[in-house]
Amino acid sequence: MIVLGSTGSIGVNTLNIARKFNLNVEVLVAGNNIELLNQQIKEFNPKKVVIANSEYIKDVKHTCVKAGEEEILYAIEQSESKTVVNALVGFLGLRPTLKAIECNKKIALANKESLVVAGKFIDQTKLSPIDSEHFGLWYLLQDKKVSSMTITASGGSFRDYPINELSKVSVKEALNHPNWSMGNKITIDSATMTNKMFELIEAAWLFDTKKVDAIIETKSLIHALVNFQDGSTTAHIANASMQLPIAYAILGKCDENILEPVDLLKVGNLEFRKIEEERYLIWQVKDEILNNLDLGVVLNAANEVAVSKFLDSKIGFLDIPKISLKALNKFSNISANSIDEIFEIDKEVRKYCEF
């Protein structure tokens, strides 16, 4: 297989599955964590390595090292592997998803943005989502009439923080997630609840429904619930690890033990909360976005600009959703008719949000 984003949390967990099941890794694609990448190269012996910046090529301990987006696409095209794990972060992951589809490869998709910005142009027949929430929904579905679907959220870094003090929080505080260890971008997205908005958009594309919502479950043990027409609800419960959805996405099915089962007696109790618009400003436009999924490209572009500004300490925490809301209002009537238009809209929104 090809692993895009091998040094991130999803990439590391993917390689844990590769190790457990003795899977061949043909290509590793990584950012700037060269030390970890070199450890992965030594263990998995890929044929080719691609990194983000050419200046670090000299530091990579491999005989075939390339750099840049075009080299990622070329590696996918030239590979013999039938599976691509796309764990790249952000809009950068869209072209590799499209290239993998073009090359008729199976995609294990952790790159939310691919579906968020271009779901209507993506052939999903060879796509398996790695998100624990969408995996949970897929796992629960049976031959019964579904009323609606629910995914869960942790609530992020500030779920217990006084709302009137959110404007003053620091980058360090925002990166202190209560349940997960993730990259900076996704941790901020979790704190603003934008990440969960992305997952609602993904679910709408994956399951062809707009009857999907989210609630907070503070221990991150229930990942998804399917509400059936007969009035019953089934929940997917598993310990917080991405290795289970990764294993299914790569292997198709998995009968071996991947996780320790949840001991409900030790858990004792679970807590559920409503996602409040006062705390998570982006939730004000949830219904508007679900009713016009083309707005996903606007939300993603605006959010990427805003999160970058926040991480550089140029804006406050609450300015992140405010920038997204402003962009969504400006581009409220947007409609993309081709994949090329997706890239043009993305550029236009970013330009608008930079000022």
Protein backbone atom coordinates (compact mmCIF):
# COMPACT_ATOMS: atom_id res chain seq x y z
CA MET A 1 0.00 0.00 0.00
CA ILE A 2 0.86 3.70 -0.21
CA VAL A 3 0.69 5.70 3.02
CA LEU A 4 0.16 9.44 2.59
CA GLY A 5 0.91 11.26 5.83
CA SER A 6 2.92 8.45 7.40
CA THR A 7 4.30 10.45 10.34
CA GLY A 8 0.93 11.80 11.53
CA SER A 9 -1.27 10.00 14.05
CA ILE A 10 -3.33 8.20 11.36
CA GLY A 11 -0.18 7.27 9.44
CA VAL A 12 1.50 5.87 12.55
CA ASN A 13 -1.59 3.80 13.38
CA THR A 14 -1.76 2.60 9.76
CA LEU A 15 1.81 1.34 10.02
CA ASN A 16 0.91 -0.38 13.30
CA ILE A 17 -1.73 -2.33 11.33
CA ALA A 18 0.79 -3.00 8.54
CA ARG A 19 3.17 -4.42 11.14
CA LYS A 20 0.47 -6.55 12.80
CA PHE A 21 -0.69 -8.09 9.51
CA ASN A 22 2.68 -8.09 7.74
CA LEU A 23 1.49 -5.80 4.92
CA ASN A 24 3.80 -4.43 2.25
CA VAL A 25 4.37 -0.66 2.23
CA GLU A 26 5.47 0.48 -1.22
CA VAL A 27 5.51 4.28 -0.75
CA LEU A 28 5.77 6.55 2.29
CA VAL A 29 4.71 10.21 2.01
CA ALA A 30 5.48 12.53 4.92
CA GLY A 31 5.89 16.15 5.94
CA ASN A 32 8.87 17.44 7.88
CA ASN A 33 9.23 14.89 10.71
CA ILE A 34 12.32 13.39 9.14
CA GLU A 35 13.51 11.61 12.28
CA LEU A 36 10.32 9.52 12.54
CA LEU A 37 10.24 9.03 8.77
CA ASN A 38 13.74 7.56 8.83
CA GLN A 39 12.64 5.09 11.52
CA GLN A 40 9.68 4.07 9.34
CA ILE A 41 11.94 3.67 6.30
CA LYS A 42 14.27 1.41 8.24
CA GLU A 43 11.42 -0.86 9.38
CA PHE A 44 9.16 -0.97 6.31
CA ASN A 45 11.73 -0.57 3.51
CA PRO A 46 9.50 1.28 0.98
CA LYS A 47 10.50 1.52 -2.68
CA LYS A 48 9.96 5.27 -2.74
CA VAL A 49 9.65 8.19 -0.32
CA VAL A 50 8.08 11.60 -0.94
CA ILE A 51 8.40 14.54 1.45
CA ALA A 52 6.93 18.05 1.53
CA ASN A 53 10.09 20.16 1.14
CA SER A 54 13.04 19.45 -1.14
CA GLU A 55 15.46 21.08 1.33
CA TYR A 56 15.16 18.01 3.60
CA ILE A 57 15.84 15.40 0.90
CA LYS A 58 19.49 15.18 1.97
CA ASP A 59 18.41 14.15 5.49
CA VAL A 60 16.20 11.25 4.41
CA LYS A 61 17.92 7.88 4.59
CA HIS A 62 16.66 6.40 1.34
CA THR A 63 17.97 6.10 -2.21
CA CYS A 64 14.75 7.27 -3.91
CA VAL A 65 13.43 10.47 -2.30
CA LYS A 66 11.32 13.10 -4.06
CA ALA A 67 9.49 16.22 -2.86
CA GLY A 68 6.27 18.08 -3.61
CA GLU A 69 2.67 17.52 -4.61
CA GLU A 70 3.37 16.45 -8.20
CA GLU A 71 5.67 13.71 -6.94
CA ILE A 72 2.91 12.40 -4.68
CA LEU A 73 0.59 12.15 -7.67
CA TYR A 74 3.30 10.51 -9.77
CA ALA A 75 4.04 7.98 -7.01
CA ILE A 76 0.35 6.99 -6.88
CA GLU A 77 0.20 6.68 -10.67
CA GLN A 78 3.37 4.58 -10.97
CA SER A 79 2.82 2.32 -7.97
CA GLU A 80 1.81 -1.32 -8.07
CA SER A 81 -0.12 -1.01 -4.80
CA LYS A 82 -3.88 -1.41 -4.97
CA THR A 83 -4.53 0.58 -1.77
CA VAL A 84 -3.84 4.24 -0.95
CA VAL A 85 -4.19 5.43 2.64
CA ASN A 86 -4.79 9.18 2.40
CA ALA A 87 -4.04 10.71 5.80
CA LEU A 88 -2.88 14.08 4.48
CA VAL A 89 -4.27 17.12 6.29
CA GLY A 90 -6.30 19.79 4.52
CA PHE A 91 -7.08 20.70 0.92
CA LEU A 92 -3.69 19.24 -0.05
CA GLY A 93 -5.29 15.80 0.15
CA LEU A 94 -7.85 16.34 -2.60
CA ARG A 95 -5.67 15.83 -5.69
CA PRO A 96 -4.20 12.56 -4.35
CA THR A 97 -7.74 11.26 -3.74
CA LEU A 98 -8.73 12.16 -7.30
CA LYS A 99 -5.54 10.59 -8.68
CA ALA A 100 -6.11 7.35 -6.75
CA ILE A 101 -9.67 7.15 -8.14
CA GLU A 102 -8.34 7.81 -11.65
CA CYS A 103 -5.85 4.97 -11.18
CA ASN A 104 -8.63 2.63 -9.99
CA LYS A 105 -7.10 2.13 -6.56
CA LYS A 106 -8.88 1.45 -3.30
CA ILE A 107 -8.77 4.48 -0.99
CA ALA A 108 -8.69 4.32 2.80
CA LEU A 109 -9.68 7.94 3.41
CA ALA A 110 -8.77 9.94 6.49
CA ASN A 111 -8.51 13.21 4.53
CA LYS A 112 -11.88 14.74 5.42
CA GLU A 113 -11.42 17.63 3.06
CA SER A 114 -11.68 15.44 -0.06
CA LEU A 115 -15.37 14.76 0.57
CA VAL A 116 -16.07 18.07 2.31
CA VAL A 117 -15.04 20.19 -0.66
CA ALA A 118 -15.67 17.86 -3.61
CA GLY A 119 -18.03 15.08 -2.50
CA LYS A 120 -20.29 15.49 -5.54
CA PHE A 121 -17.36 14.80 -7.89
CA ILE A 122 -15.85 11.82 -6.04
CA ASP A 123 -16.64 8.23 -6.98
CA GLN A 124 -17.17 6.57 -3.61
CA THR A 125 -17.34 2.97 -4.84
CA LYS A 126 -13.70 2.29 -3.88
CA LEU A 127 -13.58 4.57 -0.88
CA SER A 128 -13.56 3.45 2.77
CA PRO A 129 -13.62 6.19 5.44
CA ILE A 130 -11.18 5.91 8.32
CA ASP A 131 -13.04 8.34 10.61
CA SER A 132 -14.23 6.41 13.67
CA GLU A 133 -17.64 8.08 13.38
CA HIS A 134 -18.31 7.04 9.78
CA PHE A 135 -16.84 3.62 10.41
CA GLY A 136 -19.25 3.32 13.33
CA LEU A 137 -22.24 4.25 11.16
CA TRP A 138 -21.19 1.76 8.48
CA TYR A 139 -20.65 -0.94 11.13
CA LEU A 140 -24.16 -0.45 12.51
CA LEU A 141 -26.15 -0.34 9.30
CA GLN A 142 -28.36 -3.35 8.62
CA ASP A 143 -31.23 -4.19 6.33
CA LYS A 144 -33.70 -2.04 8.25
CA LYS A 145 -35.26 1.34 7.51
CA VAL A 146 -33.14 4.14 8.99
CA SER A 147 -34.76 7.25 10.46
CA SER A 148 -31.61 9.28 11.13
CA MET A 149 -27.96 9.04 12.12
CA THR A 150 -25.98 10.58 14.96
CA ILE A 151 -22.25 10.97 15.37
CA THR A 152 -20.52 12.02 18.56
CA ALA A 153 -18.04 14.74 19.45
CA SER A 154 -15.63 15.04 22.35
CA GLY A 155 -16.41 18.73 22.78
CA GLY A 156 -12.78 19.73 22.26
CA SER A 157 -10.38 21.65 24.45
CA PHE A 158 -12.92 24.17 25.76
CA ARG A 159 -16.05 22.12 26.39
CA ASP A 160 -15.92 23.02 30.12
CA TYR A 161 -14.44 26.51 29.71
CA PRO A 162 -16.47 29.62 30.65
CA ILE A 163 -17.99 30.90 27.41
CA ASN A 164 -17.27 34.54 28.29
CA GLU A 165 -13.53 33.79 28.47
CA LEU A 166 -13.15 31.96 25.13
CA SER A 167 -11.99 35.12 23.35
CA LYS A 168 -8.86 35.21 25.55
CA VAL A 169 -7.64 31.60 25.28
CA SER A 170 -4.11 30.87 24.08
CA VAL A 171 -2.86 28.60 21.30
CA LYS A 172 -1.33 26.33 23.95
CA GLU A 173 -4.69 25.96 25.71
CA ALA A 174 -6.48 25.27 22.43
CA LEU A 175 -4.04 22.45 21.62
CA ASN A 176 -4.72 20.69 24.93
CA HIS A 177 -7.37 18.18 23.81
CA PRO A 178 -9.05 16.25 26.68
CA ASN A 179 -9.34 12.85 24.92
CA TRP A 180 -7.06 12.62 21.89
CA SER A 181 -3.49 13.27 20.77
CA MET A 182 -3.76 14.74 17.28
CA GLY A 183 -2.08 17.24 14.99
CA ASN A 184 -2.43 20.99 15.60
CA LYS A 185 -4.93 21.69 12.82
CA ILE A 186 -7.42 18.97 13.71
CA THR A 187 -7.13 19.76 17.44
CA ILE A 188 -8.13 23.36 16.76
CA ASP A 189 -10.94 22.15 14.46
CA SER A 190 -12.17 19.96 17.31
CA ALA A 191 -12.19 22.92 19.69
CA THR A 192 -14.29 25.05 17.30
CA MET A 193 -16.48 22.03 16.32
CA THR A 194 -15.61 22.68 12.66
CA ASN A 195 -14.17 19.17 12.51
CA LYS A 196 -17.57 17.75 13.44
CA MET A 197 -19.23 19.93 10.81
CA PHE A 198 -16.84 18.39 8.28
CA GLU A 199 -17.87 14.93 9.47
CA LEU A 200 -21.57 15.75 9.04
CA ILE A 201 -20.83 16.78 5.44
CA GLU A 202 -18.88 13.55 4.92
CA ALA A 203 -21.74 11.48 6.35
CA ALA A 204 -24.23 13.24 4.07
CA TRP A 205 -22.15 12.19 1.02
CA LEU A 206 -21.24 8.71 2.25
CA PHE A 207 -24.73 7.65 3.31
CA ASP A 208 -26.78 9.85 0.98
CA THR A 209 -28.72 11.48 3.81
CA LYS A 210 -29.21 14.88 5.36
CA LYS A 211 -30.79 13.36 8.46
CA VAL A 212 -27.54 13.37 10.39
CA ASP A 213 -26.62 15.25 13.55
CA ALA A 214 -24.02 15.26 16.31
CA ILE A 215 -23.96 15.29 20.10
CA ILE A 216 -21.15 15.47 22.65
CA GLU A 217 -20.14 12.26 24.44
CA THR A 218 -17.35 13.28 26.78
CA LYS A 219 -15.46 9.96 27.06
CA SER A 220 -15.24 9.24 23.31
CA LEU A 221 -16.42 5.65 23.72
CA ILE A 222 -19.61 5.88 21.67
CA HIS A 223 -18.67 6.98 18.16
CA ALA A 224 -21.95 6.72 16.26
CA LEU A 225 -25.61 5.84 16.62
CA VAL A 226 -28.14 4.74 14.03
CA ASN A 227 -31.77 5.58 14.78
CA PHE A 228 -34.13 3.16 13.06
CA GLN A 229 -37.66 3.84 11.84
CA ASP A 230 -39.08 1.40 14.40
CA GLY A 231 -37.93 3.66 17.24
CA SER A 232 -34.85 1.70 18.29
CA THR A 233 -31.28 3.02 18.34
CA THR A 234 -28.04 1.08 18.06
CA ALA A 235 -24.71 2.50 19.23
CA HIS A 236 -21.16 1.64 18.19
CA ILE A 237 -18.99 1.44 21.32
CA ALA A 238 -15.22 0.99 21.19
CA ASN A 239 -12.13 2.26 22.94
CA ALA A 240 -10.64 5.36 21.35
CA SER A 241 -8.22 4.08 18.73
CA MET A 242 -8.09 4.60 14.98
CA GLN A 243 -6.61 1.14 14.40
CA LEU A 244 -10.02 -0.56 14.15
CA PRO A 245 -11.41 1.57 11.28
CA ILE A 246 -7.98 1.52 9.61
CA ALA A 247 -7.86 -2.29 9.73
CA TYR A 248 -11.30 -2.61 8.13
CA ALA A 249 -10.55 0.05 5.51
CA ILE A 250 -7.37 -1.74 4.42
CA LEU A 251 -8.33 -5.38 4.90
CA GLY A 252 -12.03 -5.25 4.06
CA LYS A 253 -12.92 -7.34 7.09
CA CYS A 254 -11.17 -8.16 10.34
CA ASP A 255 -11.84 -11.10 12.66
CA GLU A 256 -8.75 -10.66 14.84
CA ASN A 257 -8.58 -8.71 18.07
CA ILE A 258 -7.56 -5.11 17.40
CA LEU A 259 -8.73 -3.37 20.57
CA GLU A 260 -9.47 -4.29 24.13
CA PRO A 261 -13.26 -4.36 24.54
CA VAL A 262 -14.88 -1.58 26.57
CA ASP A 263 -15.51 -2.59 30.18
CA LEU A 264 -18.75 -0.77 30.95
CA LEU A 265 -18.46 -1.55 34.66
CA LYS A 266 -15.15 0.32 34.79
CA VAL A 267 -16.59 3.14 32.69
CA GLY A 268 -19.42 3.48 35.20
CA ASN A 269 -21.33 6.22 33.40
CA LEU A 270 -21.48 8.19 30.18
CA GLU A 271 -22.33 11.85 29.75
CA PHE A 272 -24.09 13.38 26.75
CA ARG A 273 -24.38 17.08 25.97
CA LYS A 274 -25.99 19.24 23.33
CA ILE A 275 -23.66 21.13 21.00
CA GLU A 276 -24.46 24.72 21.96
CA GLU A 277 -24.27 27.49 19.36
CA GLU A 278 -23.09 29.95 22.01
CA ARG A 279 -19.94 27.89 22.63
CA TYR A 280 -19.46 26.53 19.10
CA LEU A 281 -20.35 29.45 16.81
CA ILE A 282 -20.01 27.43 13.59
CA TRP A 283 -23.00 25.32 14.67
CA GLN A 284 -25.24 28.28 13.78
CA VAL A 285 -25.00 27.29 10.09
CA LYS A 286 -25.20 23.50 10.46
CA ASP A 287 -28.60 23.16 8.77
CA GLU A 288 -27.71 25.66 6.03
CA ILE A 289 -24.59 23.67 5.13
CA LEU A 290 -26.35 20.30 5.18
CA ASN A 291 -28.97 21.73 2.82
CA ASN A 292 -26.29 23.05 0.46
CA LEU A 293 -23.27 20.75 0.56
CA ASP A 294 -21.49 22.89 -2.05
CA LEU A 295 -20.70 25.23 0.85
CA GLY A 296 -18.18 22.66 2.10
CA VAL A 297 -15.45 24.12 -0.10
CA VAL A 298 -16.15 27.60 1.34
CA LEU A 299 -16.07 26.39 4.93
CA ASN A 300 -12.86 24.43 4.43
CA ALA A 301 -10.96 27.25 2.70
CA ALA A 302 -12.04 29.88 5.22
CA ASN A 303 -11.27 27.60 8.14
CA GLU A 304 -7.79 26.70 6.88
CA VAL A 305 -6.92 30.40 6.56
CA ALA A 306 -8.40 31.21 9.98
CA VAL A 307 -6.71 28.32 11.82
CA SER A 308 -3.35 29.26 10.29
CA LYS A 309 -3.80 32.85 11.50
CA PHE A 310 -4.72 31.66 15.00
CA LEU A 311 -1.73 29.31 15.23
CA ASP A 312 0.46 32.26 14.22
CA SER A 313 -1.17 34.33 17.02
CA LYS A 314 -2.58 36.84 14.52
CA ILE A 315 -6.22 36.43 15.60
CA GLY A 316 -8.13 35.25 18.66
CA PHE A 317 -9.78 31.84 19.05
CA LEU A 318 -13.34 33.04 18.45
CA ASP A 319 -12.20 34.82 15.28
CA ILE A 320 -11.75 31.40 13.64
CA PRO A 321 -15.49 30.60 13.35
CA LYS A 322 -16.28 34.28 12.75
CA ILE A 323 -14.06 34.29 9.64
CA SER A 324 -15.78 31.11 8.43
CA LEU A 325 -19.26 32.54 9.08
CA LYS A 326 -18.38 35.73 7.22
CA ALA A 327 -17.12 33.74 4.22
CA LEU A 328 -20.19 31.48 4.21
CA ASN A 329 -22.40 34.56 4.15
CA LYS A 330 -20.37 36.12 1.31
CA PHE A 331 -20.40 32.96 -0.83
CA SER A 332 -23.81 31.64 0.25
CA ASN A 333 -25.03 31.08 -3.31
CA ILE A 334 -21.96 29.23 -4.53
CA SER A 335 -22.43 26.15 -6.71
CA ALA A 336 -19.65 24.14 -8.32
CA ASN A 337 -20.27 22.43 -11.65
CA SER A 338 -16.87 20.79 -12.07
CA ILE A 339 -13.78 19.81 -10.12
CA ASP A 340 -11.92 22.73 -11.73
CA GLU A 341 -14.48 25.11 -10.27
CA ILE A 342 -13.79 23.63 -6.82
CA PHE A 343 -10.16 24.74 -7.08
CA GLU A 344 -11.19 28.20 -8.34
CA ILE A 345 -13.70 28.69 -5.51
CA ASP A 346 -11.08 27.58 -3.00
CA LYS A 347 -8.65 30.24 -4.27
CA GLU A 348 -11.31 32.95 -4.25
CA VAL A 349 -12.41 32.18 -0.68
CA ARG A 350 -8.83 32.09 0.60
CA LYS A 351 -8.11 35.45 -1.02
CA TYR A 352 -11.22 36.93 0.61
CA CYS A 353 -10.30 35.56 4.05
CA GLU A 354 -6.68 36.72 3.99
CA PHE A 355 -7.81 40.31 4.56
